[in-house]
């Protein structure tokens, strides 16, 4: 019962906060794609009484950020604390969602149509433009939200293609318990510890199976921190 009530409160915090950010995005969109306004996402953690624990540091030389996905709060974590004008790569359908879609379109994020055969060409063309604007790309290699327990969904090839095509410097980021702090299906929230682990950035060696190694390393890191934050689960 309490987790349900807390979930309703979290939903209100997200909905009202998003509305404020969307409004301010329209007013400040010419200032680094509203980067200053988007950092107001950090108020979520204060309002929920759940500080975000950060392990490691952002590497501002990294041009591709890859992170596991389990909740909308994953986006909040990076928007709140990354120092650069990051550019998310998301499904086109999300940009068409009433209300939420404006939060992606106004800051000019990359929206791709997975059903369109030209989607990859569009992604590469748009990614090149954003990189020229000094905007690091951010992608969920799983493609969609996982359950937030002990497994990852298999990594899709998009991040690998981008990294190799543009010779990007990759920083892996692992998020733990974001689904526990806000889950939409079922709607619930738990008082918990949320952690963001920033791994060392690297330049992929295309002569190795670096992408599979990355997936394994991120998952191993996730399991280690998951066990710390959820003992006995």
C-alpha atoms as a PDB file:
ATOM      1  CA  UNK A   1       0.000   0.000   0.000  1.00  0.00           C
ATOM      2  CA  UNK A   2       2.756   2.437   0.965  1.00  0.00           C
ATOM      3  CA  UNK A   3       4.767   1.678  -2.175  1.00  0.00           C
ATOM      4  CA  UNK A   4       1.656   2.404  -4.263  1.00  0.00           C
ATOM      5  CA  UNK A   5       1.077   5.773  -2.557  1.00  0.00           C
ATOM      6  CA  UNK A   6       4.724   6.610  -2.913  1.00  0.00           C
ATOM      7  CA  UNK A   7       4.482   5.651  -6.590  1.00  0.00           C
ATOM      8  CA  UNK A   8       1.602   8.095  -7.089  1.00  0.00           C
ATOM      9  CA  UNK A   9       3.664  10.808  -5.409  1.00  0.00           C
ATOM     10  CA  UNK A  10       6.653  10.008  -7.644  1.00  0.00           C
ATOM     11  CA  UNK A  11       4.413  10.178 -10.720  1.00  0.00           C
ATOM     12  CA  UNK A  12       3.204  13.639  -9.669  1.00  0.00           C
ATOM     13  CA  UNK A  13       6.784  14.790  -9.088  1.00  0.00           C
ATOM     14  CA  UNK A  14       7.814  13.581 -12.546  1.00  0.00           C
ATOM     15  CA  UNK A  15       4.724  14.965 -14.299  1.00  0.00           C
ATOM     16  CA  UNK A  16       4.861  18.417 -12.691  1.00  0.00           C
ATOM     17  CA  UNK A  17       8.638  18.636 -12.987  1.00  0.00           C
ATOM     18  CA  UNK A  18       8.518  17.625 -16.632  1.00  0.00           C
ATOM     19  CA  UNK A  19       5.895  20.258 -17.316  1.00  0.00           C
ATOM     20  CA  UNK A  20       8.090  22.952 -15.809  1.00  0.00           C
ATOM     21  CA  UNK A  21      11.136  21.772 -17.777  1.00  0.00           C
ATOM     22  CA  UNK A  22       9.175  21.652 -21.053  1.00  0.00           C
ATOM     23  CA  UNK A  23       7.960  25.208 -20.497  1.00  0.00           C
ATOM     24  CA  UNK A  24      11.441  26.459 -19.711  1.00  0.00           C
ATOM     25  CA  UNK A  25      12.853  24.523 -22.667  1.00  0.00           C
ATOM     26  CA  UNK A  26      10.735  26.621 -25.020  1.00  0.00           C
ATOM     27  CA  UNK A  27      12.077  29.781 -23.417  1.00  0.00           C
ATOM     28  CA  UNK A  28      15.737  28.704 -23.336  1.00  0.00           C
ATOM     29  CA  UNK A  29      16.038  26.305 -26.285  1.00  0.00           C
ATOM     30  CA  UNK A  30      18.658  28.480 -27.998  1.00  0.00           C
ATOM     31  CA  UNK A  31      20.979  28.240 -25.002  1.00  0.00           C
ATOM     32  CA  UNK A  32      22.791  24.953 -25.550  1.00  0.00           C
ATOM     33  CA  UNK A  33      19.481  23.158 -26.179  1.00  0.00           C
ATOM     34  CA  UNK A  34      18.150  24.243 -22.767  1.00  0.00           C
ATOM     35  CA  UNK A  35      20.964  22.427 -20.978  1.00  0.00           C
ATOM     36  CA  UNK A  36      20.715  24.647 -17.908  1.00  0.00           C
ATOM     37  CA  UNK A  37      16.984  24.053 -17.570  1.00  0.00           C
ATOM     38  CA  UNK A  38      17.322  20.310 -18.057  1.00  0.00           C
ATOM     39  CA  UNK A  39      19.607  20.115 -15.020  1.00  0.00           C
ATOM     40  CA  UNK A  40      16.587  20.880 -12.860  1.00  0.00           C
ATOM     41  CA  UNK A  41      15.997  17.123 -13.087  1.00  0.00           C
ATOM     42  CA  UNK A  42      18.174  16.812  -9.999  1.00  0.00           C
ATOM     43  CA  UNK A  43      15.297  18.149  -7.873  1.00  0.00           C
ATOM     44  CA  UNK A  44      13.581  14.764  -8.312  1.00  0.00           C
ATOM     45  CA  UNK A  45      16.002  13.070  -5.945  1.00  0.00           C
ATOM     46  CA  UNK A  46      15.567  15.758  -3.288  1.00  0.00           C
ATOM     47  CA  UNK A  47      11.769  15.642  -3.529  1.00  0.00           C
ATOM     48  CA  UNK A  48      11.797  11.843  -3.261  1.00  0.00           C
ATOM     49  CA  UNK A  49      14.210  11.882  -0.328  1.00  0.00           C
ATOM     50  CA  UNK A  50      16.475   9.533  -2.306  1.00  0.00           C
ATOM     51  CA  UNK A  51      19.928  10.989  -2.986  1.00  0.00           C
ATOM     52  CA  UNK A  52      21.735   9.676  -6.041  1.00  0.00           C
ATOM     53  CA  UNK A  53      25.014   8.004  -5.103  1.00  0.00           C
ATOM     54  CA  UNK A  54      27.670   8.635  -7.729  1.00  0.00           C
ATOM     55  CA  UNK A  55      30.693   6.337  -8.041  1.00  0.00           C
ATOM     56  CA  UNK A  56      33.417   7.578 -10.383  1.00  0.00           C
ATOM     57  CA  UNK A  57      33.479  10.681 -12.570  1.00  0.00           C
ATOM     58  CA  UNK A  58      32.133  11.739 -15.930  1.00  0.00           C
ATOM     59  CA  UNK A  59      34.756  11.756 -18.665  1.00  0.00           C
ATOM     60  CA  UNK A  60      34.005  14.887 -20.676  1.00  0.00           C
ATOM     61  CA  UNK A  61      36.164  13.580 -23.531  1.00  0.00           C
ATOM     62  CA  UNK A  62      33.735  10.670 -24.049  1.00  0.00           C
ATOM     63  CA  UNK A  63      31.542  11.120 -27.119  1.00  0.00           C
ATOM     64  CA  UNK A  64      29.277   8.093 -26.619  1.00  0.00           C
ATOM     65  CA  UNK A  65      27.653   7.200 -23.303  1.00  0.00           C
ATOM     66  CA  UNK A  66      26.081   3.753 -22.959  1.00  0.00           C
ATOM     67  CA  UNK A  67      23.933   2.795 -19.993  1.00  0.00           C
ATOM     68  CA  UNK A  68      21.539   0.098 -18.884  1.00  0.00           C
ATOM     69  CA  UNK A  69      17.842   0.941 -18.904  1.00  0.00           C
ATOM     70  CA  UNK A  70      15.132   0.121 -16.383  1.00  0.00           C
ATOM     71  CA  UNK A  71      13.164   3.316 -15.634  1.00  0.00           C
ATOM     72  CA  UNK A  72      12.457   6.828 -16.881  1.00  0.00           C
ATOM     73  CA  UNK A  73      14.638   7.888 -13.954  1.00  0.00           C
ATOM     74  CA  UNK A  74      17.673   6.684 -15.928  1.00  0.00           C
ATOM     75  CA  UNK A  75      17.207   9.775 -18.096  1.00  0.00           C
ATOM     76  CA  UNK A  76      16.791  11.973 -15.039  1.00  0.00           C
ATOM     77  CA  UNK A  77      20.136  10.776 -13.647  1.00  0.00           C
ATOM     78  CA  UNK A  78      22.156  11.947 -16.649  1.00  0.00           C
ATOM     79  CA  UNK A  79      20.165  15.074 -17.385  1.00  0.00           C
ATOM     80  CA  UNK A  80      20.632  16.131 -13.768  1.00  0.00           C
ATOM     81  CA  UNK A  81      24.363  15.620 -13.424  1.00  0.00           C
ATOM     82  CA  UNK A  82      26.217  15.271 -16.718  1.00  0.00           C
ATOM     83  CA  UNK A  83      28.222  18.474 -17.317  1.00  0.00           C
ATOM     84  CA  UNK A  84      27.821  18.511 -21.124  1.00  0.00           C
ATOM     85  CA  UNK A  85      24.994  19.182 -23.569  1.00  0.00           C
ATOM     86  CA  UNK A  86      24.155  15.513 -24.071  1.00  0.00           C
ATOM     87  CA  UNK A  87      22.011  14.222 -26.941  1.00  0.00           C
ATOM     88  CA  UNK A  88      19.774  11.200 -26.390  1.00  0.00           C
ATOM     89  CA  UNK A  89      19.030   8.615 -29.061  1.00  0.00           C
ATOM     90  CA  UNK A  90      15.450   7.407 -28.647  1.00  0.00           C
ATOM     91  CA  UNK A  91      12.613   5.687 -30.462  1.00  0.00           C
ATOM     92  CA  UNK A  92      10.584   7.925 -32.747  1.00  0.00           C
ATOM     93  CA  UNK A  93       7.431   6.756 -30.969  1.00  0.00           C
ATOM     94  CA  UNK A  94       8.545   8.479 -27.772  1.00  0.00           C
ATOM     95  CA  UNK A  95       8.663  11.798 -29.565  1.00  0.00           C
ATOM     96  CA  UNK A  96       5.033  11.300 -30.560  1.00  0.00           C
ATOM     97  CA  UNK A  97       3.818  10.752 -26.998  1.00  0.00           C
ATOM     98  CA  UNK A  98       1.725  13.762 -25.937  1.00  0.00           C
ATOM     99  CA  UNK A  99       3.470  15.927 -23.345  1.00  0.00           C
ATOM    100  CA  UNK A 100       6.575  13.758 -22.928  1.00  0.00           C
ATOM    101  CA  UNK A 101       7.462  14.069 -26.603  1.00  0.00           C
ATOM    102  CA  UNK A 102       8.118  17.799 -26.237  1.00  0.00           C
ATOM    103  CA  UNK A 103      10.885  17.051 -23.743  1.00  0.00           C
ATOM    104  CA  UNK A 104      12.725  15.214 -26.539  1.00  0.00           C
ATOM    105  CA  UNK A 105      11.893  17.419 -29.492  1.00  0.00           C
ATOM    106  CA  UNK A 106      12.585  20.850 -28.024  1.00  0.00           C
ATOM    107  CA  UNK A 107      16.236  20.084 -27.094  1.00  0.00           C
ATOM    108  CA  UNK A 108      16.642  18.415 -30.525  1.00  0.00           C
ATOM    109  CA  UNK A 109      17.326  14.851 -29.471  1.00  0.00           C
ATOM    110  CA  UNK A 110      17.743  12.097 -32.087  1.00  0.00           C
ATOM    111  CA  UNK A 111      14.535  10.170 -32.754  1.00  0.00           C
ATOM    112  CA  UNK A 112      14.800   7.075 -34.950  1.00  0.00           C
ATOM    113  CA  UNK A 113      12.170   4.958 -36.651  1.00  0.00           C
ATOM    114  CA  UNK A 114      13.109   1.321 -36.144  1.00  0.00           C
ATOM    115  CA  UNK A 115      10.583   0.157 -38.737  1.00  0.00           C
ATOM    116  CA  UNK A 116      12.008   2.355 -41.495  1.00  0.00           C
ATOM    117  CA  UNK A 117      14.773   0.758 -43.564  1.00  0.00           C
ATOM    118  CA  UNK A 118      16.323   4.208 -43.834  1.00  0.00           C
ATOM    119  CA  UNK A 119      16.476   4.496 -40.038  1.00  0.00           C
ATOM    120  CA  UNK A 120      20.161   3.596 -39.802  1.00  0.00           C
ATOM    121  CA  UNK A 121      21.149   6.106 -42.470  1.00  0.00           C
ATOM    122  CA  UNK A 122      19.146   8.781 -40.670  1.00  0.00           C
ATOM    123  CA  UNK A 123      20.773   7.875 -37.365  1.00  0.00           C
ATOM    124  CA  UNK A 124      24.290   8.117 -38.783  1.00  0.00           C
ATOM    125  CA  UNK A 125      23.600  11.401 -40.547  1.00  0.00           C
ATOM    126  CA  UNK A 126      21.997  13.016 -37.489  1.00  0.00           C
ATOM    127  CA  UNK A 127      24.598  11.624 -35.099  1.00  0.00           C
ATOM    128  CA  UNK A 128      27.358  13.172 -37.207  1.00  0.00           C
ATOM    129  CA  UNK A 129      25.600  16.548 -36.971  1.00  0.00           C
ATOM    130  CA  UNK A 130      25.253  16.347 -33.188  1.00  0.00           C
ATOM    131  CA  UNK A 131      28.880  15.331 -32.745  1.00  0.00           C
ATOM    132  CA  UNK A 132      29.914  18.337 -34.834  1.00  0.00           C
ATOM    133  CA  UNK A 133      27.954  20.452 -32.353  1.00  0.00           C
ATOM    134  CA  UNK A 134      30.082  18.984 -29.517  1.00  0.00           C
ATOM    135  CA  UNK A 135      27.117  17.049 -28.126  1.00  0.00           C
ATOM    136  CA  UNK A 136      27.992  13.626 -26.621  1.00  0.00           C
ATOM    137  CA  UNK A 137      25.563  10.905 -27.737  1.00  0.00           C
ATOM    138  CA  UNK A 138      23.674   8.837 -25.166  1.00  0.00           C
ATOM    139  CA  UNK A 139      22.133   5.457 -25.946  1.00  0.00           C
ATOM    140  CA  UNK A 140      20.523   2.534 -24.146  1.00  0.00           C
ATOM    141  CA  UNK A 141      22.100  -0.504 -25.866  1.00  0.00           C
ATOM    142  CA  UNK A 142      19.319  -2.744 -24.523  1.00  0.00           C
ATOM    143  CA  UNK A 143      16.880  -0.757 -26.644  1.00  0.00           C
ATOM    144  CA  UNK A 144      14.072  -0.808 -24.087  1.00  0.00           C
ATOM    145  CA  UNK A 145      13.537  -1.018 -20.348  1.00  0.00           C
ATOM    146  CA  UNK A 146      14.512  -4.170 -18.513  1.00  0.00           C
ATOM    147  CA  UNK A 147      13.019  -5.422 -15.255  1.00  0.00           C
ATOM    148  CA  UNK A 148      15.698  -3.874 -13.086  1.00  0.00           C
ATOM    149  CA  UNK A 149      16.472  -7.117 -11.295  1.00  0.00           C
ATOM    150  CA  UNK A 150      19.630  -9.126 -11.949  1.00  0.00           C
ATOM    151  CA  UNK A 151      19.527  -9.504 -15.727  1.00  0.00           C
ATOM    152  CA  UNK A 152      20.217  -7.203 -18.658  1.00  0.00           C
ATOM    153  CA  UNK A 153      18.411  -7.431 -21.964  1.00  0.00           C
ATOM    154  CA  UNK A 154      20.726  -8.360 -24.866  1.00  0.00           C
ATOM    155  CA  UNK A 155      22.590  -5.380 -26.304  1.00  0.00           C
ATOM    156  CA  UNK A 156      21.428  -4.250 -29.739  1.00  0.00           C
ATOM    157  CA  UNK A 157      24.040  -3.262 -32.359  1.00  0.00           C
ATOM    158  CA  UNK A 158      23.276   0.481 -32.576  1.00  0.00           C
ATOM    159  CA  UNK A 159      25.898   1.624 -30.076  1.00  0.00           C
ATOM    160  CA  UNK A 160      28.538  -0.597 -31.686  1.00  0.00           C
ATOM    161  CA  UNK A 161      27.821   0.799 -35.133  1.00  0.00           C
ATOM    162  CA  UNK A 162      28.057   4.391 -33.917  1.00  0.00           C
ATOM    163  CA  UNK A 163      31.264   3.830 -31.965  1.00  0.00           C
ATOM    164  CA  UNK A 164      33.031   2.149 -34.860  1.00  0.00           C
ATOM    165  CA  UNK A 165      31.728   4.390 -37.642  1.00  0.00           C
ATOM    166  CA  UNK A 166      32.760   7.634 -35.923  1.00  0.00           C
ATOM    167  CA  UNK A 167      35.634   6.262 -33.807  1.00  0.00           C
ATOM    168  CA  UNK A 168      33.961   7.435 -30.626  1.00  0.00           C
ATOM    169  CA  UNK A 169      35.337   7.362 -27.114  1.00  0.00           C
ATOM    170  CA  UNK A 170      32.894   5.316 -25.033  1.00  0.00           C
ATOM    171  CA  UNK A 171      32.009   5.757 -21.370  1.00  0.00           C
ATOM    172  CA  UNK A 172      29.885   2.961 -19.855  1.00  0.00           C
ATOM    173  CA  UNK A 173      27.476   3.970 -17.087  1.00  0.00           C
ATOM    174  CA  UNK A 174      25.675   1.525 -14.819  1.00  0.00           C
ATOM    175  CA  UNK A 175      22.507   2.473 -12.939  1.00  0.00           C
ATOM    176  CA  UNK A 176      21.204   0.514  -9.966  1.00  0.00           C
ATOM    177  CA  UNK A 177      17.732   0.641  -8.362  1.00  0.00           C
ATOM    178  CA  UNK A 178      16.237   3.338 -10.584  1.00  0.00           C
ATOM    179  CA  UNK A 179      13.285   1.036 -11.256  1.00  0.00           C
ATOM    180  CA  UNK A 180      12.770   0.604  -7.521  1.00  0.00           C
ATOM    181  CA  UNK A 181      12.610   4.331  -6.918  1.00  0.00           C
ATOM    182  CA  UNK A 182      10.026   4.756  -9.713  1.00  0.00           C
ATOM    183  CA  UNK A 183       8.262   1.984 -11.593  1.00  0.00           C
ATOM    184  CA  UNK A 184       5.266   2.649 -13.833  1.00  0.00           C
ATOM    185  CA  UNK A 185       4.101  -0.950 -14.297  1.00  0.00           C
ATOM    186  CA  UNK A 186       2.936  -1.528 -11.644  1.00  0.00           C
ATOM    187  CA  UNK A 187       2.947   2.054 -10.378  1.00  0.00           C
ATOM    188  CA  UNK A 188       5.103   1.965  -7.255  1.00  0.00           C
ATOM    189  CA  UNK A 189       8.096   3.479  -5.548  1.00  0.00           C
ATOM    190  CA  UNK A 190      10.282   2.229  -2.722  1.00  0.00           C
ATOM    191  CA  UNK A 191      12.551   4.088  -0.396  1.00  0.00           C
ATOM    192  CA  UNK A 192      15.871   2.780  -1.577  1.00  0.00           C
ATOM    193  CA  UNK A 193      19.414   3.697  -2.501  1.00  0.00           C
ATOM    194  CA  UNK A 194      20.015   4.687  -6.109  1.00  0.00           C
ATOM    195  CA  UNK A 195      23.519   4.495  -7.541  1.00  0.00           C
ATOM    196  CA  UNK A 196      25.196   5.614 -10.757  1.00  0.00           C
ATOM    197  CA  UNK A 197      28.541   3.951 -11.489  1.00  0.00           C
ATOM    198  CA  UNK A 198      30.717   5.756 -14.017  1.00  0.00           C
ATOM    199  CA  UNK A 199      33.206   3.356 -15.550  1.00  0.00           C
ATOM    200  CA  UNK A 200      36.432   4.354 -17.246  1.00  0.00           C
ATOM    201  CA  UNK A 201      36.041   5.607 -20.804  1.00  0.00           C
ATOM    202  CA  UNK A 202      37.860   3.804 -23.602  1.00  0.00           C
ATOM    203  CA  UNK A 203      38.384   3.744 -27.355  1.00  0.00           C
ATOM    204  CA  UNK A 204      37.104   0.472 -28.842  1.00  0.00           C
ATOM    205  CA  UNK A 205      39.593  -1.894 -30.429  1.00  0.00           C
ATOM    206  CA  UNK A 206      37.750  -3.091 -33.505  1.00  0.00           C
ATOM    207  CA  UNK A 207      40.064  -6.094 -33.785  1.00  0.00           C
ATOM    208  CA  UNK A 208      38.501  -7.543 -30.650  1.00  0.00           C
ATOM    209  CA  UNK A 209      34.985  -8.486 -29.568  1.00  0.00           C
ATOM    210  CA  UNK A 210      34.904  -5.280 -27.556  1.00  0.00           C
ATOM    211  CA  UNK A 211      31.119  -4.878 -27.595  1.00  0.00           C
ATOM    212  CA  UNK A 212      30.446  -8.275 -26.030  1.00  0.00           C
ATOM    213  CA  UNK A 213      33.197  -7.544 -23.500  1.00  0.00           C
ATOM    214  CA  UNK A 214      31.527  -4.219 -22.705  1.00  0.00           C
ATOM    215  CA  UNK A 215      28.184  -5.893 -22.091  1.00  0.00           C
ATOM    216  CA  UNK A 216      29.804  -8.463 -19.790  1.00  0.00           C
ATOM    217  CA  UNK A 217      31.741  -5.804 -17.875  1.00  0.00           C
ATOM    218  CA  UNK A 218      28.708  -3.596 -17.374  1.00  0.00           C
ATOM    219  CA  UNK A 219      26.607  -6.531 -16.204  1.00  0.00           C
ATOM    220  CA  UNK A 220      29.288  -7.718 -13.771  1.00  0.00           C
ATOM    221  CA  UNK A 221      29.538  -4.195 -12.349  1.00  0.00           C
ATOM    222  CA  UNK A 222      25.765  -4.022 -12.057  1.00  0.00           C
ATOM    223  CA  UNK A 223      25.541  -7.336 -10.188  1.00  0.00           C
ATOM    224  CA  UNK A 224      28.245  -6.310  -7.700  1.00  0.00           C
ATOM    225  CA  UNK A 225      26.519  -3.045  -6.816  1.00  0.00           C
ATOM    226  CA  UNK A 226      23.046  -4.587  -6.943  1.00  0.00           C
ATOM    227  CA  UNK A 227      24.111  -7.076  -4.276  1.00  0.00           C
ATOM    228  CA  UNK A 228      25.445  -4.244  -2.100  1.00  0.00           C
ATOM    229  CA  UNK A 229      22.262  -2.187  -2.336  1.00  0.00           C
ATOM    230  CA  UNK A 230      19.799  -5.096  -2.136  1.00  0.00           C
ATOM    231  CA  UNK A 231      21.236  -7.622   0.339  1.00  0.00           C
ATOM    232  CA  UNK A 232      19.225 -10.802   0.605  1.00  0.00           C
ATOM    233  CA  UNK A 233      17.220 -10.145  -2.552  1.00  0.00           C
END
